[in-house]
Amino acid sequence: MMITAIVPCPAVEPKAEEEKNVWIEDEPMPGQAGAQAPEEMVEQTLARIRENNPEMADRLATLRKDNPEAFRAEFRKIMAEQYGQRMRERAGDRQHQMPQGQMQPPGGPEMMRMGPERGGAGREMIHERMQEKQTEYLEWLKQNYPDEAEKLTQLREQNPEHYMRAFAISLKKYGHIMQASKDNPQLAAVLKDNLVLKEKRDELLRMIRGATDETKKKELTKELEGVVSQQFDLIVRRKQIAYEDLLKKLEELRKEVEQRKVEVEKWKSAEFKQQSVKDRIKELVSQTEKFEWD
């Protein structure tokens, strides 16, 4: 019994591990749409709110009980406001640490260490690069997710500080699809479909958690099963694309190996070596010394 407990059964564990890992790429990451705030973090945040604003804490507690979906939306809003406040405080602390009249460069301490001239050029180069990336991303959004592009464009004009955070969240959500559209359009299409299914899945989960009628909950669960089944098919398709891409790279590597083999055999030839040495000696001897004017 001790051996059984300590040593995993090879016939069972790999299968269980494989089944567990099938959905890893589908799990929402922190900050993504559909990601749920850890319960411990929610409790800590509510405790801090209660210390400063008991009335708000009571209102949130009631909302959490009566309308979980509305509570999550309100909680995300509060977290975004707290994040913005922390960023403003950190920016203020950095400004106070600078000599009077001198502003903290956008590049931070790294730019300071570069020195005045290189730091200025570096900041300008980084700024231009960031602008190019933002423009490229927004143009791609206009073609693929016009509503998201419009939202970011308006936010950039109305509230630059909130725009930068919204841009970072948007890039995390759609950036991998944009990159895939450059490298592998087939994969990009799969990722687009999967994003739609993720949003549908999250919507169904919210409805299931808020449903009080058991019949309605069963109907929603059945619909969720269909969505998850489609997601599984997309995961298999993604792995098929990766497999085909690997085969292609393997074939290219095989061809390169064959070419290198032919080249090495050629260079091993005594005749090739002799001719190469003669040509090199001729090249070295025929070189004329350049006149140095300075």
C-alpha atoms as a PDB file:
ATOM      1  CA  MET A   1       0.000   0.000   0.000  1.00  0.00           C
ATOM      2  CA  MET A   2       2.843   2.380   0.741  1.00  0.00           C
ATOM      3  CA  ILE A   3       4.356   1.722  -2.668  1.00  0.00           C
ATOM      4  CA  THR A   4       1.029   2.364  -4.337  1.00  0.00           C
ATOM      5  CA  ALA A   5       0.681   5.650  -2.511  1.00  0.00           C
ATOM      6  CA  ILE A   6       4.174   6.873  -3.298  1.00  0.00           C
ATOM      7  CA  VAL A   7       4.765   5.583  -6.801  1.00  0.00           C
ATOM      8  CA  PRO A   8       2.145   6.710  -9.363  1.00  0.00           C
ATOM      9  CA  CYS A   9       0.747   4.105 -11.698  1.00  0.00           C
ATOM     10  CA  PRO A  10       2.223   4.821 -15.164  1.00  0.00           C
ATOM     11  CA  ALA A  11      -0.835   3.400 -16.910  1.00  0.00           C
ATOM     12  CA  VAL A  12      -3.171   5.884 -15.190  1.00  0.00           C
ATOM     13  CA  GLU A  13      -1.309   9.102 -14.367  1.00  0.00           C
ATOM     14  CA  PRO A  14      -0.243  10.172 -17.888  1.00  0.00           C
ATOM     15  CA  LYS A  15      -3.834   9.852 -19.078  1.00  0.00           C
ATOM     16  CA  ALA A  16      -5.151  11.876 -16.137  1.00  0.00           C
ATOM     17  CA  GLU A  17      -2.444  14.488 -16.647  1.00  0.00           C
ATOM     18  CA  GLU A  18      -3.218  14.673 -20.360  1.00  0.00           C
ATOM     19  CA  GLU A  19      -6.940  15.114 -19.730  1.00  0.00           C
ATOM     20  CA  LYS A  20      -6.248  17.809 -17.145  1.00  0.00           C
ATOM     21  CA  ASN A  21      -3.986  19.722 -19.505  1.00  0.00           C
ATOM     22  CA  VAL A  22      -6.326  19.706 -22.501  1.00  0.00           C
ATOM     23  CA  TRP A  23      -8.031  22.884 -21.323  1.00  0.00           C
ATOM     24  CA  ILE A  24      -4.988  24.802 -20.048  1.00  0.00           C
ATOM     25  CA  GLU A  25      -4.787  27.086 -23.097  1.00  0.00           C
ATOM     26  CA  ASP A  26      -8.514  27.782 -22.776  1.00  0.00           C
ATOM     27  CA  GLU A  27      -8.385  28.961 -19.168  1.00  0.00           C
ATOM     28  CA  PRO A  28      -8.863  32.760 -18.793  1.00  0.00           C
ATOM     29  CA  MET A  29      -5.799  34.542 -17.498  1.00  0.00           C
ATOM     30  CA  PRO A  30      -5.975  37.253 -14.795  1.00  0.00           C
ATOM     31  CA  GLY A  31      -7.131  40.461 -16.453  1.00  0.00           C
ATOM     32  CA  GLN A  32      -8.793  38.697 -19.384  1.00  0.00           C
ATOM     33  CA  ALA A  33     -12.488  38.778 -20.055  1.00  0.00           C
ATOM     34  CA  GLY A  34     -14.074  35.969 -18.099  1.00  0.00           C
ATOM     35  CA  ALA A  35     -11.344  35.746 -15.486  1.00  0.00           C
ATOM     36  CA  GLN A  36     -12.787  35.679 -11.981  1.00  0.00           C
ATOM     37  CA  ALA A  37     -11.121  37.628  -9.199  1.00  0.00           C
ATOM     38  CA  PRO A  38      -9.768  35.250  -6.514  1.00  0.00           C
ATOM     39  CA  GLU A  39     -12.163  35.046  -3.551  1.00  0.00           C
ATOM     40  CA  GLU A  40      -9.380  35.962  -1.132  1.00  0.00           C
ATOM     41  CA  MET A  41      -8.630  39.156  -3.061  1.00  0.00           C
ATOM     42  CA  VAL A  42     -12.337  40.072  -3.101  1.00  0.00           C
ATOM     43  CA  GLU A  43     -12.554  39.649   0.676  1.00  0.00           C
ATOM     44  CA  GLN A  44      -9.411  41.720   1.277  1.00  0.00           C
ATOM     45  CA  THR A  45     -10.640  44.505  -0.978  1.00  0.00           C
ATOM     46  CA  LEU A  46     -14.064  44.571   0.679  1.00  0.00           C
ATOM     47  CA  ALA A  47     -12.386  44.699   4.102  1.00  0.00           C
ATOM     48  CA  ARG A  48     -10.361  47.763   3.072  1.00  0.00           C
ATOM     49  CA  ILE A  49     -13.484  49.428   1.691  1.00  0.00           C
ATOM     50  CA  ARG A  50     -15.326  48.781   4.953  1.00  0.00           C
ATOM     51  CA  GLU A  51     -12.609  50.573   6.915  1.00  0.00           C
ATOM     52  CA  ASN A  52     -12.935  53.728   4.812  1.00  0.00           C
ATOM     53  CA  ASN A  53     -16.537  53.592   3.622  1.00  0.00           C
ATOM     54  CA  PRO A  54     -18.872  51.282   5.581  1.00  0.00           C
ATOM     55  CA  GLU A  55     -21.933  52.379   3.598  1.00  0.00           C
ATOM     56  CA  MET A  56     -20.344  51.366   0.295  1.00  0.00           C
ATOM     57  CA  ALA A  57     -19.232  48.072   1.835  1.00  0.00           C
ATOM     58  CA  ASP A  58     -22.799  47.304   2.949  1.00  0.00           C
ATOM     59  CA  ARG A  59     -24.150  48.167  -0.491  1.00  0.00           C
ATOM     60  CA  LEU A  60     -21.584  45.895  -2.177  1.00  0.00           C
ATOM     61  CA  ALA A  61     -22.330  43.044   0.237  1.00  0.00           C
ATOM     62  CA  THR A  62     -26.033  43.269  -0.571  1.00  0.00           C
ATOM     63  CA  LEU A  63     -25.313  43.479  -4.296  1.00  0.00           C
ATOM     64  CA  ARG A  64     -23.008  40.472  -4.057  1.00  0.00           C
ATOM     65  CA  LYS A  65     -25.795  38.426  -2.519  1.00  0.00           C
ATOM     66  CA  ASP A  66     -28.719  39.614  -4.661  1.00  0.00           C
ATOM     67  CA  ASN A  67     -27.082  40.221  -8.043  1.00  0.00           C
ATOM     68  CA  PRO A  68     -23.667  38.529  -8.473  1.00  0.00           C
ATOM     69  CA  GLU A  69     -23.265  39.729 -12.066  1.00  0.00           C
ATOM     70  CA  ALA A  70     -23.829  43.394 -11.143  1.00  0.00           C
ATOM     71  CA  PHE A  71     -21.501  42.945  -8.157  1.00  0.00           C
ATOM     72  CA  ARG A  72     -18.684  41.655 -10.399  1.00  0.00           C
ATOM     73  CA  ALA A  73     -19.098  44.606 -12.748  1.00  0.00           C
ATOM     74  CA  GLU A  74     -19.004  47.064  -9.820  1.00  0.00           C
ATOM     75  CA  PHE A  75     -16.036  45.263  -8.262  1.00  0.00           C
ATOM     76  CA  ARG A  76     -14.049  45.432 -11.526  1.00  0.00           C
ATOM     77  CA  LYS A  77     -14.779  49.162 -11.698  1.00  0.00           C
ATOM     78  CA  ILE A  78     -13.502  49.663  -8.140  1.00  0.00           C
ATOM     79  CA  MET A  79     -10.347  47.651  -8.863  1.00  0.00           C
ATOM     80  CA  ALA A  80      -9.680  49.732 -11.983  1.00  0.00           C
ATOM     81  CA  GLU A  81     -10.061  52.959  -9.976  1.00  0.00           C
ATOM     82  CA  GLN A  82      -7.710  51.678  -7.276  1.00  0.00           C
ATOM     83  CA  TYR A  83      -5.176  50.650  -9.911  1.00  0.00           C
ATOM     84  CA  GLY A  84      -5.299  54.120 -11.470  1.00  0.00           C
ATOM     85  CA  GLN A  85      -4.898  55.731  -8.043  1.00  0.00           C
ATOM     86  CA  ARG A  86      -1.815  53.615  -7.289  1.00  0.00           C
ATOM     87  CA  MET A  87      -0.293  54.553 -10.633  1.00  0.00           C
ATOM     88  CA  ARG A  88      -0.876  58.250  -9.947  1.00  0.00           C
ATOM     89  CA  GLU A  89       0.644  57.954  -6.477  1.00  0.00           C
ATOM     90  CA  ARG A  90       3.723  56.161  -7.832  1.00  0.00           C
ATOM     91  CA  ALA A  91       4.125  58.789 -10.536  1.00  0.00           C
ATOM     92  CA  GLY A  92       3.865  61.506  -7.867  1.00  0.00           C
ATOM     93  CA  ASP A  93       6.497  59.810  -5.688  1.00  0.00           C
ATOM     94  CA  ARG A  94       8.903  59.613  -8.616  1.00  0.00           C
ATOM     95  CA  GLN A  95       8.401  63.294  -9.382  1.00  0.00           C
ATOM     96  CA  HIS A  96       9.140  64.239  -5.734  1.00  0.00           C
ATOM     97  CA  GLN A  97      12.371  62.243  -5.854  1.00  0.00           C
ATOM     98  CA  MET A  98      13.611  64.240  -8.847  1.00  0.00           C
ATOM     99  CA  PRO A  99      15.523  67.530  -8.440  1.00  0.00           C
ATOM    100  CA  GLN A 100      13.197  70.513  -8.378  1.00  0.00           C
ATOM    101  CA  GLY A 101      12.093  71.527 -11.859  1.00  0.00           C
ATOM    102  CA  GLN A 102      13.269  68.282 -13.453  1.00  0.00           C
ATOM    103  CA  MET A 103      10.669  65.822 -14.753  1.00  0.00           C
ATOM    104  CA  GLN A 104      10.935  62.053 -14.680  1.00  0.00           C
ATOM    105  CA  PRO A 105      11.593  60.830 -18.238  1.00  0.00           C
ATOM    106  CA  PRO A 106       9.014  58.474 -19.783  1.00  0.00           C
ATOM    107  CA  GLY A 107      11.612  55.714 -19.946  1.00  0.00           C
ATOM    108  CA  GLY A 108      12.132  55.726 -16.161  1.00  0.00           C
ATOM    109  CA  PRO A 109      15.468  55.101 -14.364  1.00  0.00           C
ATOM    110  CA  GLU A 110      16.847  53.145 -17.318  1.00  0.00           C
ATOM    111  CA  MET A 111      16.707  56.255 -19.491  1.00  0.00           C
ATOM    112  CA  MET A 112      18.341  58.286 -16.716  1.00  0.00           C
ATOM    113  CA  ARG A 113      21.301  55.922 -16.655  1.00  0.00           C
ATOM    114  CA  MET A 114      21.807  56.431 -20.374  1.00  0.00           C
ATOM    115  CA  GLY A 115      22.865  60.026 -19.843  1.00  0.00           C
ATOM    116  CA  PRO A 116      21.274  63.280 -21.093  1.00  0.00           C
ATOM    117  CA  GLU A 117      22.058  62.926 -24.791  1.00  0.00           C
ATOM    118  CA  ARG A 118      21.564  59.169 -25.223  1.00  0.00           C
ATOM    119  CA  GLY A 119      18.624  59.241 -22.814  1.00  0.00           C
ATOM    120  CA  GLY A 120      16.851  61.862 -24.905  1.00  0.00           C
ATOM    121  CA  ALA A 121      17.476  59.984 -28.126  1.00  0.00           C
ATOM    122  CA  GLY A 122      16.489  56.723 -26.469  1.00  0.00           C
ATOM    123  CA  ARG A 123      13.247  58.174 -25.139  1.00  0.00           C
ATOM    124  CA  GLU A 124      12.389  59.577 -28.539  1.00  0.00           C
ATOM    125  CA  MET A 125      13.128  56.263 -30.231  1.00  0.00           C
ATOM    126  CA  ILE A 126      11.075  54.316 -27.679  1.00  0.00           C
ATOM    127  CA  HIS A 127       8.215  56.797 -28.000  1.00  0.00           C
ATOM    128  CA  GLU A 128       8.218  56.519 -31.790  1.00  0.00           C
ATOM    129  CA  ARG A 129       8.322  52.729 -31.583  1.00  0.00           C
ATOM    130  CA  MET A 130       5.387  52.692 -29.164  1.00  0.00           C
ATOM    131  CA  GLN A 131       3.404  55.011 -31.430  1.00  0.00           C
ATOM    132  CA  GLU A 132       4.075  52.750 -34.412  1.00  0.00           C
ATOM    133  CA  LYS A 133       2.948  49.682 -32.458  1.00  0.00           C
ATOM    134  CA  GLN A 134      -0.204  51.406 -31.259  1.00  0.00           C
ATOM    135  CA  THR A 135      -1.052  52.619 -34.761  1.00  0.00           C
ATOM    136  CA  GLU A 136      -0.454  49.167 -36.235  1.00  0.00           C
ATOM    137  CA  TYR A 137      -2.611  47.519 -33.577  1.00  0.00           C
ATOM    138  CA  LEU A 138      -5.463  50.034 -33.928  1.00  0.00           C
ATOM    139  CA  GLU A 139      -5.467  49.619 -37.719  1.00  0.00           C
ATOM    140  CA  TRP A 140      -5.711  45.863 -37.293  1.00  0.00           C
ATOM    141  CA  LEU A 141      -8.547  46.300 -34.800  1.00  0.00           C
ATOM    142  CA  LYS A 142     -10.462  48.472 -37.258  1.00  0.00           C
ATOM    143  CA  GLN A 143     -10.396  45.627 -39.756  1.00  0.00           C
ATOM    144  CA  ASN A 144     -11.223  42.836 -37.322  1.00  0.00           C
ATOM    145  CA  TYR A 145     -12.897  44.324 -34.223  1.00  0.00           C
ATOM    146  CA  PRO A 146     -14.174  47.799 -35.236  1.00  0.00           C
ATOM    147  CA  ASP A 147     -16.165  48.351 -32.012  1.00  0.00           C
ATOM    148  CA  GLU A 148     -13.042  47.774 -29.903  1.00  0.00           C
ATOM    149  CA  ALA A 149     -11.032  50.116 -32.138  1.00  0.00           C
ATOM    150  CA  GLU A 150     -13.661  52.839 -31.853  1.00  0.00           C
ATOM    151  CA  LYS A 151     -13.767  52.511 -28.063  1.00  0.00           C
ATOM    152  CA  LEU A 152      -9.978  52.862 -27.772  1.00  0.00           C
ATOM    153  CA  THR A 153      -9.841  55.766 -30.228  1.00  0.00           C
ATOM    154  CA  GLN A 154     -12.446  57.729 -28.278  1.00  0.00           C
ATOM    155  CA  LEU A 155     -10.782  56.929 -24.955  1.00  0.00           C
ATOM    156  CA  ARG A 156      -7.397  58.119 -26.254  1.00  0.00           C
ATOM    157  CA  GLU A 157      -8.907  61.526 -27.023  1.00  0.00           C
ATOM    158  CA  GLN A 158     -10.999  61.818 -23.856  1.00  0.00           C
ATOM    159  CA  ASN A 159      -8.869  60.204 -21.143  1.00  0.00           C
ATOM    160  CA  PRO A 160      -5.242  59.343 -22.074  1.00  0.00           C
ATOM    161  CA  GLU A 161      -4.508  57.802 -18.657  1.00  0.00           C
ATOM    162  CA  HIS A 162      -7.402  55.336 -18.855  1.00  0.00           C
ATOM    163  CA  TYR A 163      -6.595  54.767 -22.521  1.00  0.00           C
ATOM    164  CA  MET A 164      -3.166  53.298 -21.748  1.00  0.00           C
ATOM    165  CA  ARG A 165      -4.632  50.762 -19.335  1.00  0.00           C
ATOM    166  CA  ALA A 166      -7.485  49.914 -21.713  1.00  0.00           C
ATOM    167  CA  PHE A 167      -4.954  49.531 -24.533  1.00  0.00           C
ATOM    168  CA  ALA A 168      -2.874  47.094 -22.468  1.00  0.00           C
ATOM    169  CA  ILE A 169      -5.972  45.001 -21.623  1.00  0.00           C
ATOM    170  CA  SER A 170      -7.093  45.028 -25.261  1.00  0.00           C
ATOM    171  CA  LEU A 171      -3.645  44.002 -26.482  1.00  0.00           C
ATOM    172  CA  LYS A 172      -3.616  41.103 -24.023  1.00  0.00           C
ATOM    173  CA  LYS A 173      -6.987  39.968 -25.336  1.00  0.00           C
ATOM    174  CA  TYR A 174      -6.472  40.378 -29.091  1.00  0.00           C
ATOM    175  CA  GLY A 175      -2.697  40.753 -29.577  1.00  0.00           C
ATOM    176  CA  HIS A 176      -1.991  37.037 -30.021  1.00  0.00           C
ATOM    177  CA  ILE A 177      -4.666  36.912 -32.720  1.00  0.00           C
ATOM    178  CA  MET A 178      -3.053  39.834 -34.557  1.00  0.00           C
ATOM    179  CA  GLN A 179       0.351  38.118 -34.433  1.00  0.00           C
ATOM    180  CA  ALA A 180      -1.149  34.848 -35.659  1.00  0.00           C
ATOM    181  CA  SER A 181      -2.794  36.672 -38.569  1.00  0.00           C
ATOM    182  CA  LYS A 182       0.720  37.588 -39.757  1.00  0.00           C
ATOM    183  CA  ASP A 183       2.341  34.200 -39.187  1.00  0.00           C
ATOM    184  CA  ASN A 184      -0.498  31.720 -39.719  1.00  0.00           C
ATOM    185  CA  PRO A 185      -3.931  32.919 -40.960  1.00  0.00           C
ATOM    186  CA  GLN A 186      -5.419  29.463 -40.291  1.00  0.00           C
ATOM    187  CA  LEU A 187      -4.453  29.709 -36.644  1.00  0.00           C
ATOM    188  CA  ALA A 188      -5.781  33.276 -36.454  1.00  0.00           C
ATOM    189  CA  ALA A 189      -9.183  32.091 -37.689  1.00  0.00           C
ATOM    190  CA  VAL A 190      -9.255  29.376 -35.005  1.00  0.00           C
ATOM    191  CA  LEU A 191      -8.291  31.872 -32.285  1.00  0.00           C
ATOM    192  CA  LYS A 192     -11.033  34.250 -33.405  1.00  0.00           C
ATOM    193  CA  ASP A 193     -13.641  31.505 -33.219  1.00  0.00           C
ATOM    194  CA  ASN A 194     -12.351  30.424 -29.831  1.00  0.00           C
ATOM    195  CA  LEU A 195     -12.618  33.965 -28.463  1.00  0.00           C
ATOM    196  CA  VAL A 196     -16.286  34.083 -29.486  1.00  0.00           C
ATOM    197  CA  LEU A 197     -16.884  30.770 -27.732  1.00  0.00           C
ATOM    198  CA  LYS A 198     -15.068  31.929 -24.597  1.00  0.00           C
ATOM    199  CA  GLU A 199     -17.283  34.989 -24.347  1.00  0.00           C
ATOM    200  CA  LYS A 200     -20.368  32.840 -24.891  1.00  0.00           C
ATOM    201  CA  ARG A 201     -19.140  30.385 -22.266  1.00  0.00           C
ATOM    202  CA  ASP A 202     -18.597  33.159 -19.714  1.00  0.00           C
ATOM    203  CA  GLU A 203     -22.032  34.613 -20.424  1.00  0.00           C
ATOM    204  CA  LEU A 204     -23.671  31.216 -19.910  1.00  0.00           C
ATOM    205  CA  LEU A 205     -21.736  30.657 -16.678  1.00  0.00           C
ATOM    206  CA  ARG A 206     -22.935  34.001 -15.305  1.00  0.00           C
ATOM    207  CA  MET A 207     -26.527  33.110 -16.241  1.00  0.00           C
ATOM    208  CA  ILE A 208     -26.218  29.646 -14.677  1.00  0.00           C
ATOM    209  CA  ARG A 209     -24.824  31.032 -11.417  1.00  0.00           C
ATOM    210  CA  GLY A 210     -27.610  33.604 -11.244  1.00  0.00           C
ATOM    211  CA  ALA A 211     -30.433  31.249 -12.240  1.00  0.00           C
ATOM    212  CA  THR A 212     -32.872  30.213  -9.531  1.00  0.00           C
ATOM    213  CA  ASP A 213     -35.125  28.028 -11.675  1.00  0.00           C
ATOM    214  CA  GLU A 214     -33.723  24.503 -11.962  1.00  0.00           C
ATOM    215  CA  THR A 215     -35.323  23.888 -15.369  1.00  0.00           C
ATOM    216  CA  LYS A 216     -33.748  27.053 -16.765  1.00  0.00           C
ATOM    217  CA  LYS A 217     -30.402  26.113 -15.214  1.00  0.00           C
ATOM    218  CA  LYS A 218     -30.505  22.703 -16.906  1.00  0.00           C
ATOM    219  CA  GLU A 219     -31.264  24.322 -20.285  1.00  0.00           C
ATOM    220  CA  LEU A 220     -28.346  26.730 -19.867  1.00  0.00           C
ATOM    221  CA  THR A 221     -26.047  23.892 -18.778  1.00  0.00           C
ATOM    222  CA  LYS A 222     -26.999  21.923 -21.886  1.00  0.00           C
ATOM    223  CA  GLU A 223     -26.179  24.954 -24.030  1.00  0.00           C
ATOM    224  CA  LEU A 224     -22.882  25.342 -22.168  1.00  0.00           C
ATOM    225  CA  GLU A 225     -22.049  21.708 -22.962  1.00  0.00           C
ATOM    226  CA  GLY A 226     -22.444  22.464 -26.681  1.00  0.00           C
ATOM    227  CA  VAL A 227     -20.158  25.511 -26.422  1.00  0.00           C
ATOM    228  CA  VAL A 228     -17.476  23.578 -24.522  1.00  0.00           C
ATOM    229  CA  SER A 229     -17.707  20.786 -27.094  1.00  0.00           C
ATOM    230  CA  GLN A 230     -17.007  23.315 -29.861  1.00  0.00           C
ATOM    231  CA  GLN A 231     -14.080  24.664 -27.849  1.00  0.00           C
ATOM    232  CA  PHE A 232     -12.630  21.176 -27.610  1.00  0.00           C
ATOM    233  CA  ASP A 233     -12.836  20.846 -31.406  1.00  0.00           C
ATOM    234  CA  LEU A 234     -10.949  24.132 -31.762  1.00  0.00           C
ATOM    235  CA  ILE A 235      -8.265  22.948 -29.333  1.00  0.00           C
ATOM    236  CA  VAL A 236      -7.788  19.832 -31.472  1.00  0.00           C
ATOM    237  CA  ARG A 237      -7.638  22.020 -34.594  1.00  0.00           C
ATOM    238  CA  ARG A 238      -5.034  24.255 -32.958  1.00  0.00           C
ATOM    239  CA  LYS A 239      -2.899  21.251 -32.121  1.00  0.00           C
ATOM    240  CA  GLN A 240      -3.313  19.932 -35.673  1.00  0.00           C
ATOM    241  CA  ILE A 241      -2.073  23.254 -37.061  1.00  0.00           C
ATOM    242  CA  ALA A 242       0.915  23.172 -34.686  1.00  0.00           C
ATOM    243  CA  TYR A 243       1.657  19.586 -35.747  1.00  0.00           C
ATOM    244  CA  GLU A 244       1.535  20.483 -39.450  1.00  0.00           C
ATOM    245  CA  ASP A 245       3.767  23.490 -38.829  1.00  0.00           C
ATOM    246  CA  LEU A 246       6.261  21.279 -37.010  1.00  0.00           C
ATOM    247  CA  LEU A 247       6.283  18.803 -39.911  1.00  0.00           C
ATOM    248  CA  LYS A 248       6.992  21.647 -42.323  1.00  0.00           C
ATOM    249  CA  LYS A 249       9.899  22.890 -40.204  1.00  0.00           C
ATOM    250  CA  LEU A 250      11.203  19.337 -39.886  1.00  0.00           C
ATOM    251  CA  GLU A 251      11.212  18.915 -43.674  1.00  0.00           C
ATOM    252  CA  GLU A 252      13.045  22.225 -44.114  1.00  0.00           C
ATOM    253  CA  LEU A 253      15.595  21.145 -41.501  1.00  0.00           C
ATOM    254  CA  ARG A 254      16.049  17.787 -43.250  1.00  0.00           C
ATOM    255  CA  LYS A 255      16.826  19.561 -46.535  1.00  0.00           C
ATOM    256  CA  GLU A 256      19.313  21.842 -44.803  1.00  0.00           C
ATOM    257  CA  VAL A 257      21.018  18.850 -43.178  1.00  0.00           C
ATOM    258  CA  GLU A 258      21.406  17.201 -46.601  1.00  0.00           C
ATOM    259  CA  GLN A 259      22.882  20.376 -48.061  1.00  0.00           C
ATOM    260  CA  ARG A 260      25.341  20.695 -45.187  1.00  0.00           C
ATOM    261  CA  LYS A 261      26.339  17.055 -45.605  1.00  0.00           C
ATOM    262  CA  VAL A 262      27.146  17.573 -49.302  1.00  0.00           C
ATOM    263  CA  GLU A 263      29.105  20.720 -48.448  1.00  0.00           C
ATOM    264  CA  VAL A 264      31.156  19.010 -45.732  1.00  0.00           C
ATOM    265  CA  GLU A 265      32.030  16.077 -48.020  1.00  0.00           C
ATOM    266  CA  LYS A 266      33.117  18.522 -50.701  1.00  0.00           C
ATOM    267  CA  TRP A 267      35.343  20.441 -48.299  1.00  0.00           C
ATOM    268  CA  LYS A 268      36.984  17.213 -47.115  1.00  0.00           C
ATOM    269  CA  SER A 269      38.376  16.685 -50.599  1.00  0.00           C
ATOM    270  CA  ALA A 270      42.172  17.162 -50.796  1.00  0.00           C
ATOM    271  CA  GLU A 271      41.781  18.691 -54.251  1.00  0.00           C
ATOM    272  CA  PHE A 272      39.264  21.266 -52.987  1.00  0.00           C
ATOM    273  CA  LYS A 273      41.544  22.126 -50.050  1.00  0.00           C
ATOM    274  CA  GLN A 274      44.576  22.562 -52.316  1.00  0.00           C
ATOM    275  CA  GLN A 275      42.707  24.818 -54.715  1.00  0.00           C
ATOM    276  CA  SER A 276      41.191  26.863 -51.880  1.00  0.00           C
ATOM    277  CA  VAL A 277      44.598  27.427 -50.272  1.00  0.00           C
ATOM    278  CA  LYS A 278      46.102  28.541 -53.612  1.00  0.00           C
ATOM    279  CA  ASP A 279      43.243  30.968 -54.224  1.00  0.00           C
ATOM    280  CA  ARG A 280      43.595  32.408 -50.721  1.00  0.00           C
ATOM    281  CA  ILE A 281      47.386  32.874 -51.067  1.00  0.00           C
ATOM    282  CA  LYS A 282      46.845  34.633 -54.384  1.00  0.00           C
ATOM    283  CA  GLU A 283      44.249  36.889 -52.806  1.00  0.00           C
ATOM    284  CA  LEU A 284      46.514  37.798 -49.877  1.00  0.00           C
ATOM    285  CA  VAL A 285      49.605  38.463 -51.992  1.00  0.00           C
ATOM    286  CA  SER A 286      47.746  40.600 -54.524  1.00  0.00           C
ATOM    287  CA  GLN A 287      46.346  42.940 -51.873  1.00  0.00           C
ATOM    288  CA  THR A 288      47.979  46.395 -52.083  1.00  0.00           C
ATOM    289  CA  GLU A 289      48.606  48.471 -49.013  1.00  0.00           C
ATOM    290  CA  LYS A 290      46.257  51.434 -48.838  1.00  0.00           C
ATOM    291  CA  PHE A 291      47.782  54.915 -48.545  1.00  0.00           C
ATOM    292  CA  GLU A 292      46.924  56.562 -45.251  1.00  0.00           C
ATOM    293  CA  TRP A 293      46.361  60.260 -45.724  1.00  0.00           C
ATOM    294  CA  ASP A 294      45.834  61.012 -42.026  1.00  0.00           C
END
